[in-house]
């Protein structure tokens, strides 16, 4: 029986990834066909499309009464996006960071993360909280469209090289594009159903909370599209796309996925205390850490990518120790809070201060 559950979970992940890829390809070409700006496509259709597995899983979980899995998926995915996706991609090649991300998108992710923490303080993210978040997604999309009017030709060429012109090749046919979008959505619904059913069954069999399963297996699995997209972009030399995809997906996770899930779930999403006191603060700290790292040389160096990965490994280790109530949990937590995190914070602040002190022409 347990083998069947694991097979169901893996099959769900595979179908989700295929569905997301199909949806992104079809929607990107369809948007270009109707003259939508490539920048808007990159920050919305592509970023939102790669987050569609999280949306499908969170909505399915909420409707099925597994609110812990829905919220854990969102929080875990944002942590995975920054620490694991950017970490792996930066190890492949140092990543270019556009100033717009440092000045607007990253502070936006930090602010939204804090807002989610405030909403979760009373133990529930309700209907009106979800409505506020979903409305924020609409406002963000409108703002991105307005910003796209200042988009340069280099950015347009880069996105067209990645996603095509909208009318070239067999995928340029309108019926094919529509079929890709509908087929991708159908695969997402099917994959989400399999993944949630398998994950819940495994959690119950192993006597592990649904929150932990959502923060780890489900969050990492539904973030595979972001990981694949960013790795491919890094190998192709399109390294600003890799960063933009991760940050755009994080915005969509907080506004779109959490908002829609809270709206459609009867009574809203209940919030486990562990999320309020540990995991959501970790999500905030991870988002905030992007500011000094992104600002140092307007790039993410390989050693910084390695640092991200090391912290993700430490985060997973803490979750495992906590779930199993291991004796090493106390000493591990004390080491991280008393030594590793402060040392890293001081190092990043020093690097950021040195970067800001440099003359503008040498940056």
Protein backbone atom coordinates (compact mmCIF):
# COMPACT_ATOMS: atom_id res chain seq x y z
CA UNK A 1 0.00 0.00 0.00
CA UNK A 2 2.82 2.42 0.88
CA UNK A 3 4.54 1.67 -2.44
CA UNK A 4 1.32 2.55 -4.24
CA UNK A 5 1.19 5.88 -2.40
CA UNK A 6 4.78 6.72 -3.35
CA UNK A 7 4.06 5.79 -6.98
CA UNK A 8 0.99 8.03 -6.90
CA UNK A 9 3.05 10.92 -5.51
CA UNK A 10 5.84 10.51 -8.11
CA UNK A 11 3.33 10.16 -10.94
CA UNK A 12 1.60 13.32 -9.73
CA UNK A 13 4.90 15.23 -9.76
CA UNK A 14 5.72 14.06 -13.29
CA UNK A 15 2.28 14.99 -14.62
CA UNK A 16 2.49 18.41 -12.90
CA UNK A 17 5.84 19.20 -14.52
CA UNK A 18 4.61 18.13 -17.97
CA UNK A 19 1.41 20.11 -17.52
CA UNK A 20 3.26 23.26 -16.42
CA UNK A 21 5.67 23.05 -19.37
CA UNK A 22 2.79 22.55 -21.79
CA UNK A 23 0.85 25.47 -20.31
CA UNK A 24 3.86 27.83 -20.35
CA UNK A 25 4.73 27.06 -23.98
CA UNK A 26 1.17 27.43 -25.20
CA UNK A 27 0.34 30.53 -23.17
CA UNK A 28 3.61 32.30 -24.05
CA UNK A 29 3.08 31.86 -27.80
CA UNK A 30 -0.60 32.78 -27.48
CA UNK A 31 0.26 35.98 -25.59
CA UNK A 32 2.88 36.97 -28.16
CA UNK A 33 0.38 36.34 -30.96
CA UNK A 34 -1.95 38.96 -29.47
CA UNK A 35 0.84 41.51 -29.03
CA UNK A 36 1.39 41.22 -25.29
CA UNK A 37 4.81 42.52 -24.26
CA UNK A 38 7.57 39.90 -23.80
CA UNK A 39 8.42 41.44 -20.41
CA UNK A 40 4.84 41.01 -19.25
CA UNK A 41 4.95 37.42 -20.50
CA UNK A 42 8.15 36.77 -18.56
CA UNK A 43 6.95 38.26 -15.27
CA UNK A 44 3.39 36.95 -15.48
CA UNK A 45 2.65 34.12 -17.92
CA UNK A 46 5.99 32.35 -17.50
CA UNK A 47 6.44 33.02 -13.76
CA UNK A 48 2.80 32.28 -13.02
CA UNK A 49 2.77 29.29 -15.34
CA UNK A 50 5.72 27.66 -13.58
CA UNK A 51 3.85 28.25 -10.30
CA UNK A 52 0.67 26.62 -11.60
CA UNK A 53 1.50 23.27 -9.90
CA UNK A 54 1.53 25.05 -6.53
CA UNK A 55 -1.83 26.64 -7.39
CA UNK A 56 -3.37 23.33 -8.41
CA UNK A 57 -2.07 21.54 -5.32
CA UNK A 58 -3.02 24.28 -2.84
CA UNK A 59 -6.54 24.68 -4.21
CA UNK A 60 -7.04 20.90 -4.30
CA UNK A 61 -5.71 20.61 -0.73
CA UNK A 62 -7.92 23.42 0.54
CA UNK A 63 -11.06 21.96 -1.02
CA UNK A 64 -10.16 18.53 0.39
CA UNK A 65 -9.78 19.85 3.92
CA UNK A 66 -5.96 19.60 4.01
CA UNK A 67 -5.33 23.30 4.77
CA UNK A 68 -1.96 22.53 6.41
CA UNK A 69 -0.76 21.01 3.15
CA UNK A 70 -2.02 24.00 1.13
CA UNK A 71 -0.27 26.64 3.25
CA UNK A 72 2.84 24.53 3.81
CA UNK A 73 3.14 24.15 0.04
CA UNK A 74 3.18 27.93 -0.49
CA UNK A 75 5.65 28.70 2.31
CA UNK A 76 7.89 25.76 1.43
CA UNK A 77 7.87 26.65 -2.27
CA UNK A 78 9.02 30.22 -1.61
CA UNK A 79 11.84 28.96 0.61
CA UNK A 80 12.78 26.35 -2.01
CA UNK A 81 12.67 28.91 -4.84
CA UNK A 82 15.27 31.19 -3.26
CA UNK A 83 17.54 28.77 -1.43
CA UNK A 84 17.47 25.73 -3.73
CA UNK A 85 16.55 27.06 -7.19
CA UNK A 86 18.77 30.15 -7.06
CA UNK A 87 21.44 28.17 -5.21
CA UNK A 88 21.69 25.44 -7.85
CA UNK A 89 21.44 27.92 -10.73
CA UNK A 90 24.13 30.21 -9.31
CA UNK A 91 26.49 27.24 -8.94
CA UNK A 92 26.07 26.61 -12.69
CA UNK A 93 26.85 30.24 -13.56
CA UNK A 94 26.86 33.52 -11.60
CA UNK A 95 23.45 35.11 -12.03
CA UNK A 96 22.77 38.63 -13.29
CA UNK A 97 20.38 40.68 -11.13
CA UNK A 98 18.43 43.56 -12.67
CA UNK A 99 18.16 46.70 -10.53
CA UNK A 100 14.36 46.62 -10.84
CA UNK A 101 14.36 43.41 -8.79
CA UNK A 102 16.42 45.00 -6.00
CA UNK A 103 14.38 48.20 -5.94
CA UNK A 104 10.88 46.78 -6.28
CA UNK A 105 10.23 43.03 -6.63
CA UNK A 106 12.41 41.79 -3.75
CA UNK A 107 11.13 44.42 -1.27
CA UNK A 108 7.64 43.47 -2.49
CA UNK A 109 8.26 39.80 -1.66
CA UNK A 110 9.56 40.80 1.80
CA UNK A 111 6.54 43.01 2.44
CA UNK A 112 4.07 40.36 1.25
CA UNK A 113 5.75 37.74 3.44
CA UNK A 114 5.35 39.99 6.48
CA UNK A 115 1.72 40.63 5.52
CA UNK A 116 1.06 36.88 5.37
CA UNK A 117 2.58 36.49 8.84
CA UNK A 118 0.29 39.22 10.20
CA UNK A 119 -2.73 37.55 8.57
CA UNK A 120 -1.74 34.18 10.04
CA UNK A 121 -1.35 35.46 13.61
CA UNK A 122 -4.94 34.67 14.50
CA UNK A 123 -4.56 31.09 13.28
CA UNK A 124 -6.48 31.49 10.03
CA UNK A 125 -6.14 33.13 6.63
CA UNK A 126 -9.77 33.83 5.86
CA UNK A 127 -11.89 34.72 2.86
CA UNK A 128 -11.30 38.48 3.07
CA UNK A 129 -7.56 37.94 3.58
CA UNK A 130 -7.56 35.86 0.39
CA UNK A 131 -9.57 38.50 -1.43
CA UNK A 132 -7.03 41.15 -0.45
CA UNK A 133 -4.13 39.01 -1.66
CA UNK A 134 -5.85 38.14 -4.96
CA UNK A 135 -6.65 41.82 -5.54
CA UNK A 136 -2.97 42.57 -4.98
CA UNK A 137 -2.11 40.16 -7.79
CA UNK A 138 -4.38 42.10 -10.16
CA UNK A 139 -2.74 45.39 -9.11
CA UNK A 140 0.75 43.89 -9.55
CA UNK A 141 -0.08 42.64 -13.04
CA UNK A 142 -1.41 46.06 -14.07
CA UNK A 143 1.77 47.68 -12.74
CA UNK A 144 3.96 45.23 -14.67
CA UNK A 145 2.03 46.00 -17.87
CA UNK A 146 2.62 49.72 -17.37
CA UNK A 147 6.31 49.13 -16.72
CA UNK A 148 6.59 47.04 -19.88
CA UNK A 149 6.09 50.16 -21.98
CA UNK A 150 9.64 51.13 -21.04
CA UNK A 151 10.97 47.73 -22.04
CA UNK A 152 14.13 47.79 -24.17
CA UNK A 153 14.73 45.96 -27.42
CA UNK A 154 17.37 43.74 -25.79
CA UNK A 155 14.81 42.39 -23.31
CA UNK A 156 12.30 41.80 -26.10
CA UNK A 157 14.87 39.89 -28.15
CA UNK A 158 15.86 37.75 -25.16
CA UNK A 159 12.32 36.62 -24.40
CA UNK A 160 11.53 36.01 -28.06
CA UNK A 161 14.66 33.84 -28.31
CA UNK A 162 13.47 31.82 -25.31
CA UNK A 163 9.76 31.53 -26.15
CA UNK A 164 9.54 32.27 -29.88
CA UNK A 165 7.74 34.94 -31.84
CA UNK A 166 4.25 33.57 -31.29
CA UNK A 167 3.57 32.60 -34.90
CA UNK A 168 6.64 30.58 -35.96
CA UNK A 169 6.63 26.80 -36.39
CA UNK A 170 3.86 24.33 -35.74
CA UNK A 171 3.31 25.78 -32.27
CA UNK A 172 2.52 29.08 -34.00
CA UNK A 173 -0.87 27.80 -35.07
CA UNK A 174 -3.72 29.19 -32.96
CA UNK A 175 -5.59 25.87 -32.48
CA UNK A 176 -2.35 24.22 -31.31
CA UNK A 177 -1.67 27.02 -28.83
CA UNK A 178 -5.19 26.77 -27.39
CA UNK A 179 -4.86 22.98 -27.20
CA UNK A 180 -1.56 23.36 -25.31
CA UNK A 181 -3.15 25.72 -22.77
CA UNK A 182 -6.20 23.51 -22.18
CA UNK A 183 -4.13 20.33 -22.15
CA UNK A 184 -1.66 21.82 -19.69
CA UNK A 185 -4.46 22.88 -17.35
CA UNK A 186 -5.99 19.41 -17.51
CA UNK A 187 -2.68 17.75 -16.67
CA UNK A 188 -2.20 20.14 -13.75
CA UNK A 189 -5.57 19.22 -12.26
CA UNK A 190 -4.86 15.49 -12.67
CA UNK A 191 -1.30 15.73 -11.32
CA UNK A 192 -2.42 17.81 -8.33
CA UNK A 193 -5.05 15.23 -7.42
CA UNK A 194 -2.54 12.38 -7.52
CA UNK A 195 0.13 14.32 -5.65
CA UNK A 196 -2.15 15.44 -2.81
CA UNK A 197 -3.67 11.98 -2.37
CA UNK A 198 -0.25 10.32 -2.31
CA UNK A 199 1.31 12.92 0.01
CA UNK A 200 -1.53 12.77 2.54
CA UNK A 201 -1.46 8.96 2.59
CA UNK A 202 2.32 8.92 3.11
CA UNK A 203 2.13 11.51 5.89
CA UNK A 204 -0.46 9.46 7.73
CA UNK A 205 1.43 6.20 7.23
CA UNK A 206 4.69 7.69 8.52
CA UNK A 207 2.89 9.65 11.25
CA UNK A 208 4.40 12.89 9.92
CA UNK A 209 2.31 16.04 9.89
CA UNK A 210 0.85 17.29 6.63
CA UNK A 211 2.62 20.60 7.28
CA UNK A 212 6.06 18.93 7.06
CA UNK A 213 5.08 17.00 3.92
CA UNK A 214 3.84 20.24 2.36
CA UNK A 215 7.00 22.14 3.33
CA UNK A 216 9.34 19.50 1.90
CA UNK A 217 8.22 16.86 -0.62
CA UNK A 218 5.23 18.71 -2.05
CA UNK A 219 6.92 22.14 -2.05
CA UNK A 220 10.05 20.84 -3.78
CA UNK A 221 8.05 18.76 -6.24
CA UNK A 222 5.72 21.56 -7.32
CA UNK A 223 8.73 23.89 -7.70
CA UNK A 224 10.40 21.61 -10.28
CA UNK A 225 9.18 23.84 -13.17
CA UNK A 226 10.92 26.89 -11.64
CA UNK A 227 14.06 24.80 -11.09
CA UNK A 228 14.05 23.44 -14.65
CA UNK A 229 13.32 26.85 -16.21
CA UNK A 230 16.07 28.60 -14.25
CA UNK A 231 18.67 25.90 -14.94
CA UNK A 232 17.94 25.94 -18.68
CA UNK A 233 18.08 29.75 -18.71
CA UNK A 234 21.46 29.68 -16.92
CA UNK A 235 22.93 27.18 -19.40
CA UNK A 236 21.70 29.31 -22.30
CA UNK A 237 23.28 32.44 -20.82
CA UNK A 238 19.89 34.06 -20.11
CA UNK A 239 20.74 34.47 -16.46
CA UNK A 240 18.46 37.41 -15.68
CA UNK A 241 15.49 35.31 -16.77
CA UNK A 242 16.54 32.71 -14.20
CA UNK A 243 16.35 35.24 -11.36
CA UNK A 244 13.21 36.98 -12.64
CA UNK A 245 11.39 33.66 -12.89
CA UNK A 246 12.08 32.83 -9.24
CA UNK A 247 11.10 36.25 -7.87
CA UNK A 248 8.00 36.46 -10.08
CA UNK A 249 6.94 33.00 -8.94
CA UNK A 250 7.39 34.00 -5.29
CA UNK A 251 5.10 37.00 -5.80
CA UNK A 252 2.49 34.79 -7.46
CA UNK A 253 2.73 32.19 -4.68
CA UNK A 254 1.92 34.77 -2.01
CA UNK A 255 -0.73 36.74 -3.87
CA UNK A 256 -2.33 34.34 -6.32
CA UNK A 257 -1.99 30.88 -4.83
CA UNK A 258 -2.53 31.79 -1.19
CA UNK A 259 -5.26 34.25 -2.12
CA UNK A 260 -7.23 31.85 -4.32
CA UNK A 261 -6.78 28.94 -1.90
CA UNK A 262 -8.12 31.04 1.00
CA UNK A 263 -11.09 32.20 -1.09
CA UNK A 264 -12.20 28.76 -2.29
CA UNK A 265 -11.59 26.90 0.99
CA UNK A 266 -14.70 26.86 3.17
CA UNK A 267 -13.90 28.81 6.34
CA UNK A 268 -10.48 29.84 5.03
CA UNK A 269 -7.10 28.23 5.64
CA UNK A 270 -6.27 27.21 9.20
CA UNK A 271 -2.67 27.98 10.15
CA UNK A 272 -0.54 25.61 12.26
CA UNK A 273 1.38 27.29 15.10
CA UNK A 274 4.67 25.94 13.77
CA UNK A 275 4.18 27.90 10.56
CA UNK A 276 3.57 31.15 12.47
CA UNK A 277 6.53 30.82 14.83
CA UNK A 278 9.11 29.21 12.56
CA UNK A 279 8.45 28.55 8.86
CA UNK A 280 6.87 31.86 7.85
CA UNK A 281 9.62 33.83 9.69
CA UNK A 282 12.16 31.68 7.81
CA UNK A 283 10.42 32.64 4.56
CA UNK A 284 10.67 36.32 5.52
CA UNK A 285 14.36 35.99 6.44
CA UNK A 286 15.12 34.19 3.16
CA UNK A 287 13.40 36.93 1.14
CA UNK A 288 15.20 39.65 3.12
CA UNK A 289 18.57 37.93 2.56
CA UNK A 290 18.13 38.50 -1.17
CA UNK A 291 18.59 42.26 -0.73
CA UNK A 292 22.29 42.30 0.32
CA UNK A 293 23.16 39.34 -1.92
CA UNK A 294 21.45 40.81 -4.99
CA UNK A 295 23.03 44.21 -4.32
CA UNK A 296 26.65 42.98 -4.17
CA UNK A 297 27.86 43.52 -7.70
CA UNK A 298 24.30 43.11 -9.09
CA UNK A 299 24.88 39.38 -9.32
CA UNK A 300 24.66 36.16 -7.36
CA UNK A 301 28.12 34.62 -7.15
CA UNK A 302 28.79 30.89 -6.99
CA UNK A 303 29.77 31.03 -3.31
CA UNK A 304 26.51 32.81 -2.53
CA UNK A 305 24.63 30.09 -4.40
CA UNK A 306 26.47 27.51 -2.34
CA UNK A 307 25.49 29.42 0.82
CA UNK A 308 21.84 29.32 -0.24
CA UNK A 309 22.00 25.56 -0.79
CA UNK A 310 23.73 24.98 2.55
CA UNK A 311 20.98 26.84 4.37
CA UNK A 312 18.28 24.90 2.54
CA UNK A 313 19.95 21.67 3.64
CA UNK A 314 20.05 23.01 7.21
CA UNK A 315 16.37 23.96 7.03
CA UNK A 316 15.37 20.48 5.82
CA UNK A 317 17.56 18.90 8.51
CA UNK A 318 15.78 20.96 11.17
CA UNK A 319 12.35 19.89 9.87
CA UNK A 320 13.39 16.23 9.90
CA UNK A 321 14.83 16.46 13.42
CA UNK A 322 11.71 18.23 14.65
CA UNK A 323 9.37 15.74 12.99
CA UNK A 324 11.22 12.79 14.51
CA UNK A 325 11.76 14.56 17.87
CA UNK A 326 15.46 13.72 17.67
CA UNK A 327 17.73 14.46 20.63
CA UNK A 328 20.03 16.55 18.43
CA UNK A 329 17.29 19.09 17.66
CA UNK A 330 18.12 21.42 20.54
CA UNK A 331 21.86 21.62 19.89
CA UNK A 332 21.32 21.95 16.14
CA UNK A 333 18.89 24.82 16.59
CA UNK A 334 21.19 26.57 19.07
CA UNK A 335 24.13 26.31 16.66
CA UNK A 336 22.15 27.77 13.78
CA UNK A 337 20.62 30.62 15.80
CA UNK A 338 23.67 31.44 17.87
CA UNK A 339 26.48 31.10 15.33
CA UNK A 340 25.72 30.31 11.69
CA UNK A 341 22.91 32.80 11.04
CA UNK A 342 24.54 35.80 12.81
CA UNK A 343 27.87 35.14 11.07
CA UNK A 344 26.21 34.99 7.68
CA UNK A 345 24.18 38.12 8.40
CA UNK A 346 27.27 40.12 9.40
CA UNK A 347 29.17 38.92 6.32
CA UNK A 348 26.35 39.92 3.96
CA UNK A 349 25.92 43.32 5.59
CA UNK A 350 29.66 44.04 5.31
CA UNK A 351 29.66 43.06 1.64
CA UNK A 352 26.59 45.17 1.01
CA UNK A 353 28.13 48.19 2.79
CA UNK A 354 31.35 47.82 0.78
CA UNK A 355 29.35 47.65 -2.42
CA UNK A 356 27.37 50.78 -1.57
CA UNK A 357 30.58 52.62 -0.68
CA UNK A 358 32.09 52.03 -4.13
CA UNK A 359 31.85 54.83 -6.68
CA UNK A 360 28.96 54.28 -9.09
CA UNK A 361 31.25 53.92 -12.12
CA UNK A 362 33.13 50.97 -10.55
CA UNK A 363 30.06 48.93 -9.68
